[in-house]
Amino acid sequence: MRKSLIFIMLAVAWLLVPARPSFGQWFLEAENGAVVSGYNDIQIPGDTGTRFSLSEELKTDPAYFFRLRLGYQWKSRHTVSVLVAPLKLKAAGSLDRPLTFNEEIFPAGIQLRGSYKFNSYRLTYRYDFIRKGRWQVGVGLTAKIRDAAVRIEGGGLSSTKTNVGFVPLINLRLFWQFHDRWGLLLEGDGAVAKQGRAEDFLLALQWKVRDNLSLRFGYRILEGGANVPEVYNFSLLHYLSAGLHFTF
């Protein structure tokens, strides 16, 4: 299913770009680094399960992450892109009380292992309404496919809750080129609704190595979640990020 989602989003992006590539330019962005869990509170089902912390009561290990974005920009102001952002965290520990998780009951005190998957596939269109001097400011829309799963196992028991869904987001980008080769980038997606919220933003220092290649170093924050009868989950993740932007 994951490969099918990636193929569909790439196909849509290809159809949306202008027919004559001379009008614009392709770009590839790669990002990787370390991700550390802040809070990660879970209750499944959201109305009858046991609420617990996957990052404090169980301990979540730091993990490696990577992201890839393929995009196309034309007439200097229009950008369409596809993002693939897999993420998986692992945790372990025990609780001092029984854990009701996804209709399974884990006894108190047993050793538990947990995994937290939150893969994201996004199709984004953005329009840069400011491109003047050293400033670039753009706003757009992102269609996000969320492929999430939480798994708990221990004491010979196991249970997995999966969730695949669509989330519309607002895309924002601000770039300040304060030097010929150096700039400050703030970019990401976010939205707030009655059922929950989502914020995923990168603040990075960008160094222009040559005309078609820039390197980025910065901090990314991913925060949000949902509070519905099926699931309660709010999490905060911190990313130490290094990446590149390559045009071709």
Protein backbone atom coordinates (compact mmCIF):
# COMPACT_ATOMS: atom_id res chain seq x y z
CA MET A 1 0.00 0.00 0.00
CA ARG A 2 2.87 2.37 0.83
CA LYS A 3 4.44 1.91 -2.62
CA SER A 4 1.06 2.49 -4.27
CA LEU A 5 0.59 5.78 -2.38
CA ILE A 6 4.05 6.99 -3.43
CA PHE A 7 3.40 6.05 -7.06
CA ILE A 8 0.02 7.82 -7.11
CA MET A 9 1.41 11.02 -5.61
CA LEU A 10 4.36 11.08 -8.01
CA ALA A 11 1.99 10.56 -10.93
CA VAL A 12 -0.25 13.42 -9.80
CA ALA A 13 2.75 15.71 -9.37
CA TRP A 14 3.93 14.82 -12.88
CA LEU A 15 0.52 15.68 -14.34
CA LEU A 16 0.34 19.02 -12.56
CA VAL A 17 3.61 20.45 -13.87
CA PRO A 18 3.67 22.40 -17.17
CA ALA A 19 4.15 20.44 -20.36
CA ARG A 20 7.27 22.37 -21.37
CA PRO A 21 10.03 21.89 -18.82
CA SER A 22 11.91 24.96 -20.10
CA PHE A 23 9.40 27.07 -18.15
CA GLY A 24 10.65 25.76 -14.83
CA GLN A 25 13.06 23.63 -12.90
CA TRP A 26 13.02 20.34 -11.03
CA PHE A 27 14.46 20.06 -7.54
CA LEU A 28 15.25 17.32 -5.06
CA GLU A 29 15.47 17.77 -1.30
CA ALA A 30 16.93 15.19 1.08
CA GLU A 31 16.87 15.50 4.85
CA ASN A 32 18.15 13.22 7.59
CA GLY A 33 19.35 13.22 11.18
CA ALA A 34 18.22 12.27 14.67
CA VAL A 35 14.71 12.39 16.11
CA VAL A 36 13.96 12.47 19.85
CA SER A 37 10.55 11.99 21.41
CA GLY A 38 9.11 14.63 23.71
CA TYR A 39 5.67 13.71 25.02
CA ASN A 40 3.72 10.90 23.37
CA ASP A 41 0.43 10.25 25.16
CA ILE A 42 -1.74 7.39 23.89
CA GLN A 43 -5.17 5.98 24.73
CA ILE A 44 -6.74 3.38 22.42
CA PRO A 45 -9.72 3.31 22.26
CA GLY A 46 -9.94 6.98 23.12
CA ASP A 47 -12.91 6.54 25.43
CA THR A 48 -12.23 3.19 27.17
CA GLY A 49 -8.50 2.46 26.90
CA THR A 50 -5.76 3.20 29.44
CA ARG A 51 -3.97 6.49 28.87
CA PHE A 52 -0.19 6.09 29.09
CA SER A 53 2.99 7.77 27.92
CA LEU A 54 5.08 5.98 25.32
CA SER A 55 7.98 8.38 26.03
CA GLU A 56 7.91 8.76 29.84
CA GLU A 57 6.34 5.62 31.36
CA LEU A 58 7.89 3.59 28.56
CA LYS A 59 11.19 4.95 27.30
CA THR A 60 11.49 5.80 23.60
CA ASP A 61 14.94 5.56 22.06
CA PRO A 62 16.28 8.31 19.77
CA ALA A 63 16.06 7.23 16.15
CA TYR A 64 17.45 8.01 12.71
CA PHE A 65 15.10 9.65 10.20
CA PHE A 66 15.17 10.63 6.55
CA ARG A 67 12.86 12.51 4.20
CA LEU A 68 12.81 12.97 0.43
CA ARG A 69 10.99 15.64 -1.57
CA LEU A 70 10.76 15.85 -5.36
CA GLY A 71 9.36 19.06 -6.78
CA TYR A 72 8.97 21.35 -9.74
CA GLN A 73 8.94 25.16 -9.83
CA TRP A 74 7.77 27.26 -12.75
CA LYS A 75 7.43 30.98 -13.47
CA SER A 76 9.46 31.55 -10.29
CA ARG A 77 6.35 31.59 -8.08
CA HIS A 78 4.54 28.24 -8.52
CA THR A 79 5.80 25.07 -6.84
CA VAL A 80 4.38 21.55 -6.71
CA SER A 81 6.12 18.79 -4.77
CA VAL A 82 5.79 15.30 -3.33
CA LEU A 83 7.21 14.41 0.09
CA VAL A 84 7.95 10.95 1.47
CA ALA A 85 8.63 11.04 5.23
CA PRO A 86 8.79 7.65 7.00
CA LEU A 87 9.18 7.50 10.76
CA LYS A 88 9.38 4.65 13.26
CA LEU A 89 10.21 4.80 16.98
CA LYS A 90 10.74 1.99 19.47
CA ALA A 91 10.06 2.00 23.22
CA ALA A 92 10.35 -0.34 26.19
CA GLY A 93 9.50 -0.43 29.89
CA SER A 94 6.70 -1.36 32.26
CA LEU A 95 3.61 0.19 33.87
CA ASP A 96 2.54 0.05 37.50
CA ARG A 97 -1.06 -0.62 36.44
CA PRO A 98 -2.87 -2.83 33.94
CA LEU A 99 -2.86 -1.48 30.38
CA THR A 100 -5.99 -1.75 28.26
CA PHE A 101 -4.81 -1.14 24.72
CA ASN A 102 -6.86 -1.78 21.60
CA GLU A 103 -9.13 -4.23 23.51
CA GLU A 104 -6.12 -6.22 24.85
CA ILE A 105 -5.34 -6.11 28.59
CA PHE A 106 -1.65 -6.24 29.62
CA PRO A 107 -1.03 -7.02 33.33
CA ALA A 108 0.74 -4.50 35.53
CA GLY A 109 4.50 -4.83 35.98
CA ILE A 110 5.33 -6.91 32.91
CA GLN A 111 8.00 -5.81 30.46
CA LEU A 112 6.43 -4.11 27.46
CA ARG A 113 7.81 -3.26 24.03
CA GLY A 114 6.21 -0.63 21.90
CA SER A 115 6.60 0.70 18.37
CA TYR A 116 5.24 3.94 16.95
CA LYS A 117 4.98 4.36 13.17
CA PHE A 118 3.98 7.67 11.64
CA ASN A 119 4.70 7.67 7.91
CA SER A 120 3.66 10.73 5.94
CA TYR A 121 3.12 11.18 2.19
CA ARG A 122 2.30 14.70 0.99
CA LEU A 123 1.40 16.47 -2.22
CA THR A 124 1.91 20.24 -1.96
CA TYR A 125 1.15 23.25 -4.14
CA ARG A 126 2.53 26.64 -3.06
CA TYR A 127 2.45 30.14 -4.55
CA ASP A 128 5.21 32.61 -3.63
CA PHE A 129 3.41 35.95 -3.41
CA ILE A 130 6.61 37.72 -2.30
CA ARG A 131 9.86 37.31 -4.19
CA LYS A 132 11.58 40.62 -3.74
CA GLY A 133 15.18 41.36 -2.91
CA ARG A 134 16.38 38.97 -0.25
CA TRP A 135 12.88 37.79 0.77
CA GLN A 136 10.67 34.95 -0.41
CA VAL A 137 7.27 34.25 1.18
CA GLY A 138 4.81 31.61 -0.02
CA VAL A 139 1.54 29.98 1.02
CA GLY A 140 -0.07 26.82 -0.31
CA LEU A 141 -2.06 23.67 0.35
CA THR A 142 -0.87 20.18 1.25
CA ALA A 143 -2.78 16.92 0.85
CA LYS A 144 -1.33 14.51 3.40
CA ILE A 145 -1.79 10.75 3.64
CA ARG A 146 -1.08 9.55 7.17
CA ASP A 147 0.03 5.92 7.59
CA ALA A 148 0.21 5.36 11.35
CA ALA A 149 0.43 2.37 13.68
CA VAL A 150 0.99 1.77 17.40
CA ARG A 151 1.99 -1.71 18.59
CA ILE A 152 2.33 -2.98 22.17
CA GLU A 153 3.61 -6.44 23.08
CA GLY A 154 4.67 -8.20 26.26
CA GLY A 155 3.89 -11.17 28.46
CA GLY A 156 2.99 -13.26 25.42
CA LEU A 157 0.36 -10.70 24.34
CA SER A 158 0.41 -8.21 21.48
CA SER A 159 -1.92 -5.72 19.83
CA THR A 160 -1.55 -3.28 16.93
CA LYS A 161 -3.69 -0.29 16.08
CA THR A 162 -3.31 1.00 12.50
CA ASN A 163 -4.71 4.14 10.95
CA VAL A 164 -4.53 5.44 7.39
CA GLY A 165 -6.22 8.72 6.63
CA PHE A 166 -6.26 11.96 4.67
CA VAL A 167 -5.35 15.29 6.30
CA PRO A 168 -5.53 18.73 4.58
CA LEU A 169 -2.83 21.16 5.71
CA ILE A 170 -1.70 24.73 5.08
CA ASN A 171 1.83 25.06 3.69
CA LEU A 172 4.00 28.04 4.60
CA ARG A 173 7.49 29.04 3.50
CA LEU A 174 9.65 32.02 4.41
CA PHE A 175 13.23 32.47 3.20
CA TRP A 176 15.56 35.33 4.09
CA GLN A 177 18.82 35.48 2.18
CA PHE A 178 20.85 37.65 4.53
CA HIS A 179 24.11 36.99 2.66
CA ASP A 180 25.06 36.05 -0.91
CA ARG A 181 25.55 32.42 0.14
CA TRP A 182 23.67 32.21 3.43
CA GLY A 183 19.98 32.27 4.23
CA LEU A 184 17.45 31.40 6.92
CA LEU A 185 14.57 29.09 6.02
CA LEU A 186 11.28 28.53 7.84
CA GLU A 187 9.05 26.00 6.08
CA GLY A 188 6.35 23.51 6.96
CA ASP A 189 2.74 22.38 7.11
CA GLY A 190 0.11 22.87 9.79
CA ALA A 191 -3.60 22.87 10.60
CA VAL A 192 -5.95 23.01 13.58
CA ALA A 193 -9.39 21.38 13.78
CA LYS A 194 -11.90 20.41 16.44
CA GLN A 195 -10.62 16.82 16.47
CA GLY A 196 -6.93 17.73 16.75
CA ARG A 197 -4.00 19.58 15.26
CA ALA A 198 -0.79 19.08 13.29
CA GLU A 199 2.37 21.15 12.96
CA ASP A 200 5.51 20.13 11.09
CA PHE A 201 8.04 22.95 10.63
CA LEU A 202 11.74 23.26 9.86
CA LEU A 203 13.94 26.20 10.87
CA ALA A 204 17.27 25.87 9.10
CA LEU A 205 20.39 27.75 8.13
CA GLN A 206 20.99 27.32 4.39
CA TRP A 207 24.39 27.53 2.72
CA LYS A 208 24.61 27.91 -1.06
CA VAL A 209 27.52 25.70 -2.11
CA ARG A 210 27.02 26.41 -5.81
CA ASP A 211 24.23 27.62 -8.07
CA ASN A 212 22.33 24.32 -8.06
CA LEU A 213 23.23 22.96 -4.62
CA SER A 214 22.52 24.20 -1.09
CA LEU A 215 23.09 22.53 2.27
CA ARG A 216 20.78 22.94 5.28
CA PHE A 217 21.30 22.51 9.01
CA GLY A 218 18.54 23.08 11.50
CA TYR A 219 15.78 21.99 13.84
CA ARG A 220 12.43 20.45 12.95
CA ILE A 221 9.42 20.15 15.22
CA LEU A 222 6.55 17.73 14.64
CA GLU A 223 3.64 18.12 17.04
CA GLY A 224 -0.04 17.29 17.13
CA GLY A 225 -2.54 14.52 17.36
CA ALA A 226 -6.20 13.66 17.58
CA ASN A 227 -8.83 13.21 20.28
CA VAL A 228 -11.65 11.05 18.93
CA PRO A 229 -13.48 7.97 20.30
CA GLU A 230 -11.33 5.65 18.21
CA VAL A 231 -7.98 6.98 19.40
CA TYR A 232 -6.40 9.59 21.64
CA ASN A 233 -2.80 10.45 20.74
CA PHE A 234 -0.81 13.67 21.07
CA SER A 235 2.92 13.67 20.51
CA LEU A 236 5.87 16.03 20.23
CA LEU A 237 8.99 15.10 18.28
CA HIS A 238 12.28 17.01 18.02
CA TYR A 239 14.50 16.61 14.95
CA LEU A 240 18.16 17.55 14.54
CA SER A 241 18.30 17.91 10.78
CA ALA A 242 20.88 18.07 7.99
CA GLY A 243 19.91 18.11 4.34
CA LEU A 244 20.39 19.42 0.84
CA HIS A 245 18.44 21.16 -1.93
CA PHE A 246 19.54 20.22 -5.47
CA THR A 247 18.11 21.68 -8.68
CA PHE A 248 18.38 20.03 -12.08
